Amino acid sequence: MVDAVEQWWDGVELWLAQLAFPFQFALLMCVLLPLSLGLARLIDRVVDNASTRFNPVPKVPPAAEQEQPRKVEAGEPS
């Protein structure tokens, strides 16, 4: 099985090496650019999930439910 994959890869590599440079560049950009962007997005999601799991954001109650500070009237002791 590994030998078959190795032979296939050698054939692809030889075919790619024999192409003219503009075709090599276009083919690699059509393949590597989407793969790189997908891998970067996957890494970003994994890091985001790990950071929220290990460092959760504290839950803050809504502003309406918080105690409002009492206004001190003139002449009242604070």
N, C-alpha and C. Protein backbone atom coordinates (compact mmCIF):
# COMPACT_ATOMS: atom_id res chain seq x y z
N MET A 1 0.83 -1.20 0.00
CA MET A 1 0.00 0.00 0.00
C MET A 1 0.87 1.25 0.00
N VAL A 2 1.86 1.29 0.90
CA VAL A 2 2.74 2.45 0.99
C VAL A 2 3.55 2.58 -0.29
N ASP A 3 3.96 1.46 -0.86
CA ASP A 3 4.74 1.50 -2.10
C ASP A 3 3.91 2.09 -3.24
N ALA A 4 2.62 1.75 -3.30
CA ALA A 4 1.74 2.29 -4.35
C ALA A 4 1.58 3.80 -4.20
N VAL A 5 1.41 4.27 -2.97
CA VAL A 5 1.28 5.70 -2.73
C VAL A 5 2.58 6.42 -3.10
N GLU A 6 3.71 5.80 -2.75
CA GLU A 6 5.00 6.39 -3.07
C GLU A 6 5.21 6.50 -4.58
N GLN A 7 4.83 5.47 -5.32
CA GLN A 7 4.96 5.51 -6.78
C GLN A 7 4.02 6.56 -7.37
N TRP A 8 2.82 6.65 -6.85
CA TRP A 8 1.87 7.66 -7.35
C TRP A 8 2.42 9.06 -7.10
N TRP A 9 2.93 9.28 -5.90
CA TRP A 9 3.46 10.60 -5.57
C TRP A 9 4.68 10.94 -6.44
N ASP A 10 5.54 9.97 -6.70
CA ASP A 10 6.68 10.21 -7.59
C ASP A 10 6.21 10.61 -8.99
N GLY A 11 5.14 9.98 -9.46
CA GLY A 11 4.60 10.33 -10.77
C GLY A 11 4.03 11.73 -10.80
N VAL A 12 3.31 12.10 -9.75
CA VAL A 12 2.75 13.46 -9.66
C VAL A 12 3.88 14.48 -9.59
N GLU A 13 4.88 14.18 -8.79
CA GLU A 13 6.01 15.09 -8.63
C GLU A 13 6.75 15.28 -9.95
N LEU A 14 6.97 14.21 -10.67
CA LEU A 14 7.64 14.29 -11.97
C LEU A 14 6.80 15.08 -12.96
N TRP A 15 5.49 14.84 -12.98
CA TRP A 15 4.61 15.59 -13.88
C TRP A 15 4.64 17.08 -13.57
N LEU A 16 4.59 17.42 -12.28
CA LEU A 16 4.60 18.81 -11.87
C LEU A 16 5.94 19.48 -12.19
N ALA A 17 7.04 18.76 -12.02
CA ALA A 17 8.36 19.32 -12.29
C ALA A 17 8.57 19.56 -13.78
N GLN A 18 7.88 18.84 -14.63
CA GLN A 18 8.05 19.00 -16.07
C GLN A 18 7.15 20.08 -16.66
N LEU A 19 6.22 20.61 -15.88
CA LEU A 19 5.37 21.69 -16.37
C LEU A 19 6.16 22.99 -16.47
N ALA A 20 5.70 23.88 -17.31
CA ALA A 20 6.31 25.21 -17.39
C ALA A 20 6.00 25.96 -16.09
N PHE A 21 6.86 26.93 -15.74
CA PHE A 21 6.72 27.63 -14.47
C PHE A 21 5.36 28.30 -14.28
N PRO A 22 4.81 29.00 -15.28
CA PRO A 22 3.50 29.64 -15.04
C PRO A 22 2.40 28.62 -14.69
N PHE A 23 2.46 27.44 -15.29
CA PHE A 23 1.47 26.41 -14.97
C PHE A 23 1.71 25.83 -13.58
N GLN A 24 2.98 25.67 -13.22
CA GLN A 24 3.28 25.21 -11.86
C GLN A 24 2.75 26.19 -10.83
N PHE A 25 3.01 27.46 -11.08
CA PHE A 25 2.58 28.50 -10.15
C PHE A 25 1.05 28.53 -10.04
N ALA A 26 0.37 28.51 -11.16
CA ALA A 26 -1.10 28.55 -11.16
C ALA A 26 -1.68 27.32 -10.45
N LEU A 27 -1.14 26.16 -10.73
CA LEU A 27 -1.63 24.93 -10.10
C LEU A 27 -1.39 24.94 -8.60
N LEU A 28 -0.22 25.36 -8.18
CA LEU A 28 0.07 25.40 -6.75
C LEU A 28 -0.80 26.42 -6.03
N MET A 29 -1.04 27.57 -6.66
CA MET A 29 -1.89 28.58 -6.02
C MET A 29 -3.34 28.09 -5.93
N CYS A 30 -3.80 27.35 -6.92
CA CYS A 30 -5.17 26.82 -6.88
C CYS A 30 -5.31 25.72 -5.82
N VAL A 31 -4.22 25.04 -5.50
CA VAL A 31 -4.28 23.96 -4.52
C VAL A 31 -3.82 24.45 -3.14
N LEU A 32 -2.67 25.10 -3.07
CA LEU A 32 -2.10 25.46 -1.78
C LEU A 32 -2.80 26.64 -1.11
N LEU A 33 -3.29 27.59 -1.87
CA LEU A 33 -3.95 28.74 -1.26
C LEU A 33 -5.21 28.33 -0.49
N PRO A 34 -6.13 27.56 -1.09
CA PRO A 34 -7.30 27.14 -0.31
C PRO A 34 -6.93 26.23 0.87
N LEU A 35 -5.96 25.35 0.68
CA LEU A 35 -5.54 24.47 1.78
C LEU A 35 -4.94 25.29 2.92
N SER A 36 -4.13 26.26 2.60
CA SER A 36 -3.51 27.10 3.63
C SER A 36 -4.55 27.92 4.37
N LEU A 37 -5.50 28.50 3.64
CA LEU A 37 -6.55 29.28 4.29
C LEU A 37 -7.43 28.40 5.18
N GLY A 38 -7.76 27.21 4.71
CA GLY A 38 -8.55 26.28 5.51
C GLY A 38 -7.81 25.85 6.76
N LEU A 39 -6.53 25.57 6.64
CA LEU A 39 -5.73 25.17 7.79
C LEU A 39 -5.61 26.32 8.79
N ALA A 40 -5.43 27.53 8.29
CA ALA A 40 -5.33 28.70 9.18
C ALA A 40 -6.65 28.90 9.93
N ARG A 41 -7.78 28.74 9.24
CA ARG A 41 -9.08 28.89 9.90
C ARG A 41 -9.28 27.81 10.96
N LEU A 42 -8.86 26.58 10.66
CA LEU A 42 -8.98 25.48 11.62
C LEU A 42 -8.13 25.74 12.85
N ILE A 43 -6.90 26.18 12.65
CA ILE A 43 -6.02 26.48 13.78
C ILE A 43 -6.60 27.61 14.61
N ASP A 44 -7.17 28.64 13.96
CA ASP A 44 -7.77 29.76 14.68
C ASP A 44 -8.93 29.29 15.55
N ARG A 45 -9.78 28.42 15.02
CA ARG A 45 -10.91 27.92 15.81
C ARG A 45 -10.45 27.07 16.98
N VAL A 46 -9.44 26.23 16.76
CA VAL A 46 -8.94 25.38 17.83
C VAL A 46 -8.34 26.23 18.95
N VAL A 47 -7.57 27.25 18.58
CA VAL A 47 -6.97 28.12 19.59
C VAL A 47 -8.04 28.92 20.33
N ASP A 48 -9.05 29.42 19.61
CA ASP A 48 -10.15 30.15 20.27
C ASP A 48 -10.88 29.25 21.26
N ASN A 49 -11.19 28.03 20.85
CA ASN A 49 -11.89 27.11 21.75
C ASN A 49 -11.04 26.76 22.96
N ALA A 50 -9.76 26.54 22.75
CA ALA A 50 -8.88 26.21 23.87
C ALA A 50 -8.74 27.39 24.82
N SER A 51 -8.64 28.59 24.28
CA SER A 51 -8.47 29.74 25.17
C SER A 51 -9.74 30.03 25.95
N THR A 52 -10.92 29.82 25.37
CA THR A 52 -12.15 30.03 26.14
C THR A 52 -12.36 28.91 27.15
N ARG A 53 -11.88 27.73 26.86
CA ARG A 53 -12.03 26.62 27.80
C ARG A 53 -11.13 26.80 29.02
N PHE A 54 -9.89 27.25 28.79
CA PHE A 54 -8.95 27.37 29.89
C PHE A 54 -8.98 28.74 30.58
N ASN A 55 -9.57 29.73 29.92
CA ASN A 55 -9.66 31.06 30.50
C ASN A 55 -11.04 31.63 30.18
N PRO A 56 -12.09 31.14 30.84
CA PRO A 56 -13.44 31.58 30.49
C PRO A 56 -13.66 33.04 30.86
N VAL A 57 -14.53 33.67 30.11
CA VAL A 57 -14.89 35.05 30.36
C VAL A 57 -15.91 35.06 31.49
N PRO A 58 -15.68 35.86 32.54
CA PRO A 58 -16.65 35.88 33.65
C PRO A 58 -17.99 36.44 33.18
N LYS A 59 -19.05 35.86 33.69
CA LYS A 59 -20.38 36.32 33.31
C LYS A 59 -20.72 37.57 34.09
N VAL A 60 -21.09 38.61 33.39
CA VAL A 60 -21.44 39.89 34.00
C VAL A 60 -22.95 40.02 33.94
N PRO A 61 -23.60 40.31 35.07
CA PRO A 61 -25.06 40.46 35.03
C PRO A 61 -25.44 41.68 34.19
N PRO A 62 -26.61 41.65 33.59
CA PRO A 62 -27.05 42.80 32.79
C PRO A 62 -27.09 44.07 33.63
N ALA A 63 -26.95 45.21 32.98
CA ALA A 63 -26.87 46.49 33.68
C ALA A 63 -28.16 46.80 34.44
N ALA A 64 -29.31 46.34 33.97
CA ALA A 64 -30.58 46.65 34.62
C ALA A 64 -30.69 45.95 35.98
N GLU A 65 -30.04 44.82 36.14
CA GLU A 65 -30.15 44.06 37.38
C GLU A 65 -29.10 44.47 38.41
N GLN A 66 -28.12 45.26 38.01
CA GLN A 66 -27.11 45.68 38.96
C GLN A 66 -27.68 46.74 39.89
N GLU A 67 -27.12 46.77 41.09
CA GLU A 67 -27.57 47.79 42.03
C GLU A 67 -27.09 49.14 41.56
N GLN A 68 -28.00 50.08 41.55
CA GLN A 68 -27.64 51.43 41.17
C GLN A 68 -27.07 52.15 42.39
N PRO A 69 -26.00 52.89 42.23
CA PRO A 69 -25.46 53.63 43.38
C PRO A 69 -26.47 54.69 43.83
N ARG A 70 -26.59 54.80 45.14
CA ARG A 70 -27.56 55.73 45.71
C ARG A 70 -27.00 57.14 45.59
N LYS A 71 -27.84 58.05 45.12
CA LYS A 71 -27.42 59.44 45.01
C LYS A 71 -27.44 60.08 46.39
N VAL A 72 -26.40 60.78 46.68
CA VAL A 72 -26.32 61.47 47.97
C VAL A 72 -26.90 62.85 47.79
N GLU A 73 -27.93 63.13 48.60
CA GLU A 73 -28.58 64.45 48.53
C GLU A 73 -27.73 65.46 49.29
N ALA A 74 -27.92 66.73 48.95
CA ALA A 74 -27.18 67.79 49.63
C ALA A 74 -27.58 67.81 51.09
N GLY A 75 -26.62 67.86 51.97
CA GLY A 75 -26.87 67.91 53.40
C GLY A 75 -26.89 66.55 54.05
N GLU A 76 -26.94 65.45 53.29
CA GLU A 76 -26.91 64.10 53.88
C GLU A 76 -25.47 63.69 54.12
N PRO A 77 -25.22 62.97 55.19
CA PRO A 77 -23.86 62.45 55.37
C PRO A 77 -23.60 61.34 54.35
N SER A 78 -22.40 61.27 53.86
CA SER A 78 -22.12 60.25 52.86
C SER A 78 -21.71 58.94 53.44
